[in-house]
Amino acid sequence: MLAEVLAGYLETSTAKPGAVGEEIGEAWGMRLARSRGDDEAPGLARLVRMMSELGFSPEVVEGTSETELRLRSCPFLAVATENPRLVCSAHLGLLRGALAETGVPLIATQLDPLVEPSLCVAHLRKAGAVGGGVGR
């Protein structure tokens, strides 16, 4: 309930809820990754484990120009459905912050929210490649 109240307030009280969501998410991702400093999983596996423990049911699909991280479950689905600009941007920021903190040479360039009823797709590229944002 608290998540719904806070997300609803931030979504309607700020001119750029997506930017606020990304900022909140990046701080969250960095803090989570830092708190898991004893996790010695290599690179992307560390992010996948963290996202799995959060309830996102991630699946990695590697392509030639990018890696997709398919999030098959959203632990914030009800809140995201009502406040997608804020919540989905926070999830993009979460990925960005966690990747930066763990030193994985990838950046989350875009998150396609709810491409299916229970699927969001994050696009990851090698650091330094051109980025995107939350798309719908």
Protein backbone atom coordinates (compact mmCIF):
# COMPACT_ATOMS: atom_id res chain seq x y z
CA MET A 1 0.00 0.00 0.00
CA LEU A 2 2.83 2.39 0.85
CA ALA A 3 4.39 1.80 -2.58
CA GLU A 4 1.08 2.68 -4.24
CA VAL A 5 0.71 5.87 -2.21
CA LEU A 6 4.27 7.03 -2.82
CA ALA A 7 4.27 6.15 -6.52
CA GLY A 8 0.92 7.86 -7.07
CA TYR A 9 2.09 10.98 -5.31
CA LEU A 10 5.40 11.17 -7.19
CA GLU A 11 3.79 10.37 -10.54
CA THR A 12 1.37 13.29 -10.24
CA SER A 13 3.40 15.84 -8.25
CA THR A 14 6.53 16.05 -10.36
CA ALA A 15 6.93 17.34 -13.90
CA LYS A 16 9.27 14.47 -14.84
CA PRO A 17 8.28 11.27 -13.02
CA GLY A 18 10.49 9.20 -15.32
CA ALA A 19 13.59 11.16 -14.34
CA VAL A 20 12.67 10.92 -10.66
CA GLY A 21 12.09 7.18 -11.03
CA GLU A 22 15.47 6.66 -12.70
CA GLU A 23 17.25 8.63 -9.99
CA ILE A 24 15.53 6.66 -7.22
CA GLY A 25 16.21 3.40 -9.03
CA GLU A 26 19.91 4.12 -9.60
CA ALA A 27 20.43 4.84 -5.90
CA TRP A 28 18.50 1.66 -5.04
CA GLY A 29 20.51 -0.46 -7.49
CA MET A 30 23.84 0.88 -6.24
CA ARG A 31 22.85 0.31 -2.62
CA LEU A 32 21.64 -3.24 -3.31
CA ALA A 33 24.76 -4.15 -5.27
CA ARG A 34 26.99 -2.66 -2.57
CA SER A 35 25.18 -4.61 0.15
CA ARG A 36 25.84 -7.81 -1.80
CA GLY A 37 29.59 -7.23 -1.85
CA ASP A 38 30.20 -10.83 -0.79
CA ASP A 39 28.46 -12.13 -3.94
CA GLU A 40 31.31 -13.34 -6.09
CA ALA A 41 29.20 -14.35 -9.08
CA PRO A 42 30.87 -13.15 -12.29
CA GLY A 43 29.56 -10.13 -14.19
CA LEU A 44 26.04 -10.38 -15.45
CA ALA A 45 25.31 -13.46 -13.31
CA ARG A 46 25.51 -11.24 -10.23
CA LEU A 47 22.85 -8.89 -11.62
CA VAL A 48 20.66 -11.82 -12.66
CA ARG A 49 20.89 -13.32 -9.17
CA MET A 50 20.00 -9.97 -7.56
CA MET A 51 17.01 -9.43 -9.86
CA SER A 52 15.87 -13.00 -9.23
CA GLU A 53 16.02 -12.49 -5.48
CA LEU A 54 13.92 -9.34 -5.89
CA GLY A 55 11.24 -11.40 -7.68
CA PHE A 56 11.73 -10.33 -11.32
CA SER A 57 12.36 -13.87 -12.72
CA PRO A 58 15.06 -12.65 -15.14
CA GLU A 59 16.14 -14.46 -18.27
CA VAL A 60 19.21 -13.44 -20.29
CA VAL A 61 19.01 -13.56 -24.08
CA GLU A 62 22.31 -12.66 -25.70
CA GLY A 63 22.31 -11.18 -29.18
CA THR A 64 25.01 -9.87 -31.47
CA SER A 65 24.54 -6.17 -30.74
CA GLU A 66 22.88 -6.28 -27.33
CA THR A 67 21.83 -8.49 -24.47
CA GLU A 68 18.19 -8.61 -23.44
CA LEU A 69 17.25 -9.13 -19.84
CA ARG A 70 13.69 -10.41 -19.92
CA LEU A 71 11.93 -9.75 -16.65
CA ARG A 72 9.12 -12.29 -16.53
CA SER A 73 7.64 -11.23 -13.23
CA CYS A 74 7.28 -7.80 -11.66
CA PRO A 75 7.02 -7.66 -7.88
CA PHE A 76 5.49 -4.19 -8.32
CA LEU A 77 3.05 -5.05 -11.13
CA ALA A 78 -0.03 -3.46 -9.55
CA VAL A 79 1.86 -0.24 -8.78
CA ALA A 80 3.60 -0.26 -12.19
CA THR A 81 0.30 -0.65 -14.02
CA GLU A 82 -1.07 2.47 -12.33
CA ASN A 83 2.18 4.50 -12.36
CA PRO A 84 4.29 3.19 -15.25
CA ARG A 85 6.38 6.31 -15.89
CA LEU A 86 7.72 6.31 -12.34
CA VAL A 87 7.93 2.60 -11.52
CA CYS A 88 9.27 1.35 -14.85
CA SER A 89 11.84 4.15 -14.90
CA ALA A 90 12.85 3.16 -11.37
CA HIS A 91 13.46 -0.38 -12.62
CA LEU A 92 15.61 0.95 -15.47
CA GLY A 93 17.54 3.00 -12.91
CA LEU A 94 17.84 -0.06 -10.66
CA LEU A 95 19.56 -1.94 -13.48
CA ARG A 96 21.82 1.02 -14.31
CA GLY A 97 22.86 1.52 -10.70
CA ALA A 98 23.54 -2.16 -10.09
CA LEU A 99 25.56 -2.51 -13.29
CA ALA A 100 27.62 0.57 -12.46
CA GLU A 101 28.26 -0.52 -8.88
CA THR A 102 29.32 -4.05 -9.82
CA GLY A 103 31.57 -2.90 -12.65
CA VAL A 104 29.83 -5.02 -15.28
CA PRO A 105 30.83 -3.43 -18.63
CA LEU A 106 27.20 -3.09 -19.72
CA ILE A 107 24.67 -0.30 -19.50
CA ALA A 108 20.90 -0.62 -19.46
CA THR A 109 19.90 1.55 -22.42
CA GLN A 110 16.16 0.98 -22.44
CA LEU A 111 13.35 -0.82 -20.68
CA ASP A 112 10.28 -1.87 -22.65
CA PRO A 113 7.59 -2.18 -19.98
CA LEU A 114 4.81 -4.74 -20.16
CA VAL A 115 5.43 -5.91 -23.72
CA GLU A 116 3.28 -8.82 -22.58
CA PRO A 117 1.08 -8.89 -19.47
CA SER A 118 3.95 -10.21 -17.34
CA LEU A 119 7.06 -9.39 -19.39
CA CYS A 120 9.31 -6.35 -19.46
CA VAL A 121 12.45 -6.31 -21.60
CA ALA A 122 15.62 -4.47 -20.60
CA HIS A 123 18.15 -3.78 -23.35
CA LEU A 124 21.79 -3.97 -22.29
CA ARG A 125 24.70 -2.81 -24.44
CA LYS A 126 28.41 -2.64 -23.93
CA ALA A 127 29.36 0.47 -21.97
CA GLY A 128 29.91 3.43 -24.29
CA ALA A 129 27.24 2.40 -26.83
CA VAL A 130 24.36 4.75 -27.64
CA GLY A 131 21.47 4.55 -25.14
CA GLY A 132 17.69 4.91 -25.02
CA GLY A 133 15.14 5.10 -22.21
CA VAL A 134 11.89 3.69 -21.01
CA GLY A 135 9.75 3.00 -24.06
CA ARG A 136 6.19 1.90 -24.43
